[in-house]
Amino acid sequence: MESIILQISSYITAVGVIVAALNKTLNKKIDPINEKIDNNEKDNLRYKILSFANSLHNGDNHTRQEYETIFFFYDKYEAIIKRLDMTNGYLETEMEFIRDTYKRIYGGVL
């Protein structure tokens, strides 16, 4: 019985080594794809936020829900650039303008 347990244990160990090697190989292939997806989403969110800020600069009115959506987009954007180890100054300035406009129109703290 003890020899069967040792055999099963060695098989489990071998399977674990194989699974670890497969994981490593898959991650090497998936990581660049994830980075490309993150970059595309980052660019899309950046465009939406900057378009919204431009709309405000042009004097357009927006609903509270539209502002809240932009705040949600910005949080997602921040998470992505953090994951990509990037920084952003210009968008932060535009978000400050969006927040100030929101506070002026709707009052209160975000």
N, C-alpha and C. Protein backbone atom coordinates (compact mmCIF):
# COMPACT_ATOMS: atom_id res chain seq x y z
N MET A 1 0.82 -1.19 0.00
CA MET A 1 0.00 0.00 0.00
C MET A 1 0.87 1.26 0.00
N GLU A 2 1.97 1.19 0.76
CA GLU A 2 2.86 2.33 0.85
C GLU A 2 3.49 2.65 -0.50
N SER A 3 3.82 1.63 -1.29
CA SER A 3 4.45 1.85 -2.59
C SER A 3 3.45 2.50 -3.57
N ILE A 4 2.18 2.14 -3.44
CA ILE A 4 1.15 2.76 -4.29
C ILE A 4 1.03 4.24 -3.95
N ILE A 5 1.05 4.56 -2.69
CA ILE A 5 0.96 5.95 -2.26
C ILE A 5 2.16 6.74 -2.77
N LEU A 6 3.35 6.14 -2.70
CA LEU A 6 4.56 6.81 -3.21
C LEU A 6 4.48 7.02 -4.71
N GLN A 7 3.95 6.03 -5.44
CA GLN A 7 3.79 6.18 -6.89
C GLN A 7 2.81 7.30 -7.22
N ILE A 8 1.68 7.29 -6.54
CA ILE A 8 0.66 8.33 -6.77
C ILE A 8 1.25 9.70 -6.45
N SER A 9 1.98 9.78 -5.37
CA SER A 9 2.60 11.04 -4.96
C SER A 9 3.58 11.53 -6.02
N SER A 10 4.37 10.61 -6.58
CA SER A 10 5.33 11.03 -7.62
C SER A 10 4.60 11.47 -8.89
N TYR A 11 3.49 10.80 -9.24
CA TYR A 11 2.69 11.22 -10.39
C TYR A 11 2.11 12.62 -10.17
N ILE A 12 1.60 12.86 -8.97
CA ILE A 12 1.02 14.17 -8.65
C ILE A 12 2.10 15.25 -8.76
N THR A 13 3.29 14.95 -8.26
CA THR A 13 4.39 15.90 -8.35
C THR A 13 4.75 16.19 -9.80
N ALA A 14 4.81 15.14 -10.62
CA ALA A 14 5.13 15.31 -12.04
C ALA A 14 4.07 16.15 -12.74
N VAL A 15 2.81 15.88 -12.44
CA VAL A 15 1.72 16.66 -13.04
C VAL A 15 1.84 18.13 -12.61
N GLY A 16 2.18 18.35 -11.36
CA GLY A 16 2.35 19.72 -10.87
C GLY A 16 3.45 20.45 -11.60
N VAL A 17 4.56 19.78 -11.88
CA VAL A 17 5.67 20.38 -12.62
C VAL A 17 5.24 20.70 -14.05
N ILE A 18 4.51 19.79 -14.67
CA ILE A 18 4.02 20.01 -16.04
C ILE A 18 3.06 21.20 -16.08
N VAL A 19 2.14 21.25 -15.14
CA VAL A 19 1.16 22.34 -15.09
C VAL A 19 1.89 23.68 -14.88
N ALA A 20 2.88 23.72 -14.02
CA ALA A 20 3.64 24.95 -13.78
C ALA A 20 4.35 25.41 -15.05
N ALA A 21 4.92 24.46 -15.78
CA ALA A 21 5.62 24.79 -17.03
C ALA A 21 4.63 25.31 -18.07
N LEU A 22 3.47 24.68 -18.17
CA LEU A 22 2.43 25.14 -19.11
C LEU A 22 1.95 26.54 -18.74
N ASN A 23 1.75 26.77 -17.44
CA ASN A 23 1.33 28.10 -16.98
C ASN A 23 2.32 29.17 -17.38
N LYS A 24 3.59 28.89 -17.18
CA LYS A 24 4.65 29.85 -17.52
C LYS A 24 4.64 30.15 -19.02
N THR A 25 4.51 29.10 -19.83
CA THR A 25 4.48 29.27 -21.28
C THR A 25 3.26 30.07 -21.71
N LEU A 26 2.10 29.75 -21.16
CA LEU A 26 0.88 30.48 -21.51
C LEU A 26 0.96 31.94 -21.10
N ASN A 27 1.50 32.20 -19.91
CA ASN A 27 1.62 33.58 -19.45
C ASN A 27 2.52 34.40 -20.37
N LYS A 28 3.58 33.80 -20.90
CA LYS A 28 4.47 34.51 -21.82
C LYS A 28 3.73 34.90 -23.09
N LYS A 29 2.77 34.07 -23.49
CA LYS A 29 1.99 34.37 -24.69
C LYS A 29 0.83 35.32 -24.40
N ILE A 30 0.25 35.23 -23.22
CA ILE A 30 -0.93 36.04 -22.87
C ILE A 30 -0.55 37.46 -22.45
N ASP A 31 0.58 37.62 -21.76
CA ASP A 31 0.96 38.94 -21.25
C ASP A 31 1.01 40.02 -22.34
N PRO A 32 1.63 39.78 -23.50
CA PRO A 32 1.62 40.81 -24.53
C PRO A 32 0.22 41.13 -25.05
N ILE A 33 -0.62 40.11 -25.11
CA ILE A 33 -2.01 40.34 -25.55
C ILE A 33 -2.74 41.21 -24.53
N ASN A 34 -2.58 40.90 -23.24
CA ASN A 34 -3.21 41.71 -22.19
C ASN A 34 -2.72 43.15 -22.24
N GLU A 35 -1.43 43.33 -22.47
CA GLU A 35 -0.88 44.69 -22.55
C GLU A 35 -1.47 45.46 -23.73
N LYS A 36 -1.63 44.78 -24.85
CA LYS A 36 -2.23 45.42 -26.02
C LYS A 36 -3.69 45.81 -25.74
N ILE A 37 -4.43 44.90 -25.09
CA ILE A 37 -5.82 45.19 -24.73
C ILE A 37 -5.87 46.38 -23.77
N ASP A 38 -4.99 46.38 -22.76
CA ASP A 38 -4.95 47.50 -21.81
C ASP A 38 -4.65 48.82 -22.51
N ASN A 39 -3.70 48.80 -23.45
CA ASN A 39 -3.35 50.02 -24.18
C ASN A 39 -4.52 50.52 -25.01
N ASN A 40 -5.24 49.59 -25.65
CA ASN A 40 -6.40 49.99 -26.45
C ASN A 40 -7.50 50.58 -25.56
N GLU A 41 -7.76 49.92 -24.42
CA GLU A 41 -8.78 50.44 -23.51
C GLU A 41 -8.36 51.78 -22.93
N LYS A 42 -7.07 51.92 -22.59
CA LYS A 42 -6.55 53.18 -22.06
C LYS A 42 -6.79 54.30 -23.06
N ASP A 43 -6.47 54.06 -24.32
CA ASP A 43 -6.64 55.08 -25.36
C ASP A 43 -8.11 55.43 -25.55
N ASN A 44 -8.98 54.42 -25.51
CA ASN A 44 -10.42 54.64 -25.67
C ASN A 44 -10.98 55.48 -24.52
N LEU A 45 -10.60 55.13 -23.29
CA LEU A 45 -11.07 55.88 -22.13
C LEU A 45 -10.54 57.31 -22.16
N ARG A 46 -9.27 57.46 -22.51
CA ARG A 46 -8.66 58.79 -22.60
C ARG A 46 -9.43 59.65 -23.60
N TYR A 47 -9.75 59.09 -24.75
CA TYR A 47 -10.51 59.83 -25.76
C TYR A 47 -11.87 60.27 -25.24
N LYS A 48 -12.58 59.36 -24.57
CA LYS A 48 -13.91 59.70 -24.05
C LYS A 48 -13.83 60.81 -23.00
N ILE A 49 -12.84 60.72 -22.12
CA ILE A 49 -12.69 61.74 -21.06
C ILE A 49 -12.34 63.09 -21.67
N LEU A 50 -11.39 63.10 -22.61
CA LEU A 50 -10.99 64.36 -23.23
C LEU A 50 -12.12 64.95 -24.07
N SER A 51 -12.90 64.11 -24.72
CA SER A 51 -14.07 64.60 -25.48
C SER A 51 -15.09 65.24 -24.56
N PHE A 52 -15.30 64.63 -23.40
CA PHE A 52 -16.23 65.18 -22.42
C PHE A 52 -15.73 66.53 -21.92
N ALA A 53 -14.44 66.62 -21.60
CA ALA A 53 -13.86 67.88 -21.14
C ALA A 53 -13.98 68.94 -22.22
N ASN A 54 -13.73 68.58 -23.47
CA ASN A 54 -13.86 69.53 -24.58
C ASN A 54 -15.29 70.02 -24.69
N SER A 55 -16.23 69.13 -24.51
CA SER A 55 -17.64 69.50 -24.55
C SER A 55 -17.96 70.53 -23.46
N LEU A 56 -17.41 70.31 -22.27
CA LEU A 56 -17.61 71.28 -21.18
C LEU A 56 -16.96 72.62 -21.50
N HIS A 57 -15.77 72.58 -22.06
CA HIS A 57 -15.09 73.82 -22.45
C HIS A 57 -15.93 74.60 -23.47
N ASN A 58 -16.68 73.89 -24.28
CA ASN A 58 -17.54 74.53 -25.29
C ASN A 58 -18.89 74.96 -24.72
N GLY A 59 -19.09 74.75 -23.42
CA GLY A 59 -20.30 75.23 -22.77
C GLY A 59 -21.47 74.26 -22.80
N ASP A 60 -21.26 73.04 -23.22
CA ASP A 60 -22.34 72.05 -23.25
C ASP A 60 -22.72 71.63 -21.83
N ASN A 61 -23.99 71.30 -21.65
CA ASN A 61 -24.49 70.82 -20.37
C ASN A 61 -24.53 69.29 -20.37
N HIS A 62 -24.29 68.72 -19.19
CA HIS A 62 -24.32 67.27 -19.06
C HIS A 62 -25.06 66.90 -17.78
N THR A 63 -25.63 65.71 -17.79
CA THR A 63 -26.37 65.22 -16.62
C THR A 63 -25.40 64.72 -15.56
N ARG A 64 -25.93 64.58 -14.37
CA ARG A 64 -25.14 64.04 -13.27
C ARG A 64 -24.63 62.64 -13.62
N GLN A 65 -25.48 61.85 -14.27
CA GLN A 65 -25.08 60.49 -14.64
C GLN A 65 -23.93 60.50 -15.65
N GLU A 66 -23.94 61.44 -16.57
CA GLU A 66 -22.83 61.54 -17.52
C GLU A 66 -21.52 61.85 -16.79
N TYR A 67 -21.58 62.75 -15.82
CA TYR A 67 -20.39 63.05 -15.02
C TYR A 67 -19.93 61.79 -14.27
N GLU A 68 -20.88 61.10 -13.65
CA GLU A 68 -20.53 59.91 -12.88
C GLU A 68 -19.90 58.85 -13.77
N THR A 69 -20.37 58.75 -15.00
CA THR A 69 -19.78 57.81 -15.96
C THR A 69 -18.34 58.19 -16.26
N ILE A 70 -18.10 59.47 -16.45
CA ILE A 70 -16.73 59.94 -16.71
C ILE A 70 -15.84 59.67 -15.50
N PHE A 71 -16.35 59.87 -14.30
CA PHE A 71 -15.56 59.58 -13.10
C PHE A 71 -15.22 58.09 -13.03
N PHE A 72 -16.18 57.25 -13.40
CA PHE A 72 -15.95 55.80 -13.45
C PHE A 72 -14.89 55.47 -14.50
N PHE A 73 -15.00 56.08 -15.68
CA PHE A 73 -14.01 55.87 -16.74
C PHE A 73 -12.62 56.28 -16.27
N TYR A 74 -12.54 57.39 -15.55
CA TYR A 74 -11.24 57.87 -15.08
C TYR A 74 -10.63 56.89 -14.08
N ASP A 75 -11.45 56.35 -13.20
CA ASP A 75 -10.94 55.35 -12.24
C ASP A 75 -10.38 54.13 -12.99
N LYS A 76 -11.10 53.68 -14.02
CA LYS A 76 -10.61 52.56 -14.83
C LYS A 76 -9.31 52.94 -15.53
N TYR A 77 -9.27 54.15 -16.07
CA TYR A 77 -8.08 54.64 -16.76
C TYR A 77 -6.88 54.65 -15.82
N GLU A 78 -7.09 55.16 -14.61
CA GLU A 78 -6.01 55.21 -13.62
C GLU A 78 -5.49 53.81 -13.29
N ALA A 79 -6.39 52.86 -13.14
CA ALA A 79 -5.99 51.49 -12.84
C ALA A 79 -5.15 50.91 -13.97
N ILE A 80 -5.53 51.22 -15.20
CA ILE A 80 -4.79 50.70 -16.35
C ILE A 80 -3.41 51.32 -16.43
N ILE A 81 -3.30 52.64 -16.29
CA ILE A 81 -1.97 53.24 -16.42
C ILE A 81 -1.06 52.84 -15.25
N LYS A 82 -1.66 52.55 -14.11
CA LYS A 82 -0.87 52.04 -13.00
C LYS A 82 -0.34 50.65 -13.34
N ARG A 83 -1.21 49.81 -13.90
CA ARG A 83 -0.81 48.46 -14.29
C ARG A 83 0.26 48.50 -15.37
N LEU A 84 0.19 49.49 -16.26
CA LEU A 84 1.16 49.63 -17.35
C LEU A 84 2.39 50.43 -16.91
N ASP A 85 2.40 50.86 -15.64
CA ASP A 85 3.52 51.64 -15.09
C ASP A 85 3.75 52.93 -15.88
N MET A 86 2.65 53.66 -16.09
CA MET A 86 2.69 54.91 -16.83
C MET A 86 2.21 56.04 -15.93
N THR A 87 2.45 57.27 -16.37
CA THR A 87 1.92 58.44 -15.68
C THR A 87 1.18 59.30 -16.69
N ASN A 88 0.41 60.26 -16.15
CA ASN A 88 -0.36 61.11 -17.04
C ASN A 88 -0.59 62.45 -16.37
N GLY A 89 -0.17 63.51 -16.99
CA GLY A 89 -0.37 64.83 -16.43
C GLY A 89 -1.52 65.59 -17.06
N TYR A 90 -1.60 65.55 -18.37
CA TYR A 90 -2.60 66.34 -19.09
C TYR A 90 -4.01 65.91 -18.73
N LEU A 91 -4.26 64.63 -18.70
CA LEU A 91 -5.61 64.14 -18.39
C LEU A 91 -6.00 64.50 -16.96
N GLU A 92 -5.03 64.50 -16.05
CA GLU A 92 -5.32 64.89 -14.67
C GLU A 92 -5.81 66.34 -14.61
N THR A 93 -5.21 67.20 -15.41
CA THR A 93 -5.63 68.60 -15.47
C THR A 93 -7.06 68.71 -15.98
N GLU A 94 -7.37 67.96 -17.01
CA GLU A 94 -8.73 67.99 -17.56
C GLU A 94 -9.74 67.40 -16.57
N MET A 95 -9.34 66.37 -15.83
CA MET A 95 -10.24 65.81 -14.83
C MET A 95 -10.49 66.80 -13.70
N GLU A 96 -9.49 67.57 -13.36
CA GLU A 96 -9.69 68.60 -12.33
C GLU A 96 -10.73 69.61 -12.82
N PHE A 97 -10.65 69.99 -14.09
CA PHE A 97 -11.64 70.90 -14.68
C PHE A 97 -13.03 70.27 -14.65
N ILE A 98 -13.13 68.99 -14.99
CA ILE A 98 -14.42 68.29 -14.97
C ILE A 98 -14.98 68.25 -13.55
N ARG A 99 -14.14 67.91 -12.58
CA ARG A 99 -14.60 67.87 -11.18
C ARG A 99 -15.06 69.24 -10.70
N ASP A 100 -14.30 70.27 -11.02
CA ASP A 100 -14.68 71.63 -10.60
C ASP A 100 -16.01 72.05 -11.23
N THR A 101 -16.20 71.71 -12.49
CA THR A 101 -17.46 72.04 -13.16
C THR A 101 -18.62 71.28 -12.51
N TYR A 102 -18.39 70.01 -12.20
CA TYR A 102 -19.42 69.20 -11.54
C TYR A 102 -19.79 69.83 -10.19
N LYS A 103 -18.78 70.17 -9.40
CA LYS A 103 -19.04 70.76 -8.07
C LYS A 103 -19.80 72.08 -8.20
N ARG A 104 -19.44 72.87 -9.20
CA ARG A 104 -20.10 74.17 -9.39
C ARG A 104 -21.57 73.97 -9.77
N ILE A 105 -21.86 72.98 -10.58
CA ILE A 105 -23.24 72.76 -11.05
C ILE A 105 -24.06 71.99 -10.03
N TYR A 106 -23.49 70.90 -9.52
CA TYR A 106 -24.26 69.99 -8.65
C TYR A 106 -23.94 70.15 -7.17
N GLY A 107 -22.89 70.90 -6.85
CA GLY A 107 -22.53 71.13 -5.44
C GLY A 107 -22.01 69.87 -4.78
N GLY A 108 -21.49 70.06 -3.59
CA GLY A 108 -21.03 68.92 -2.80
C GLY A 108 -19.68 68.40 -3.21
N VAL A 109 -19.30 67.35 -2.54
CA VAL A 109 -18.02 66.71 -2.78
C VAL A 109 -18.24 65.44 -3.56
N LEU A 110 -17.28 65.12 -4.42
CA LEU A 110 -17.39 63.89 -5.22
C LEU A 110 -17.13 62.67 -4.37
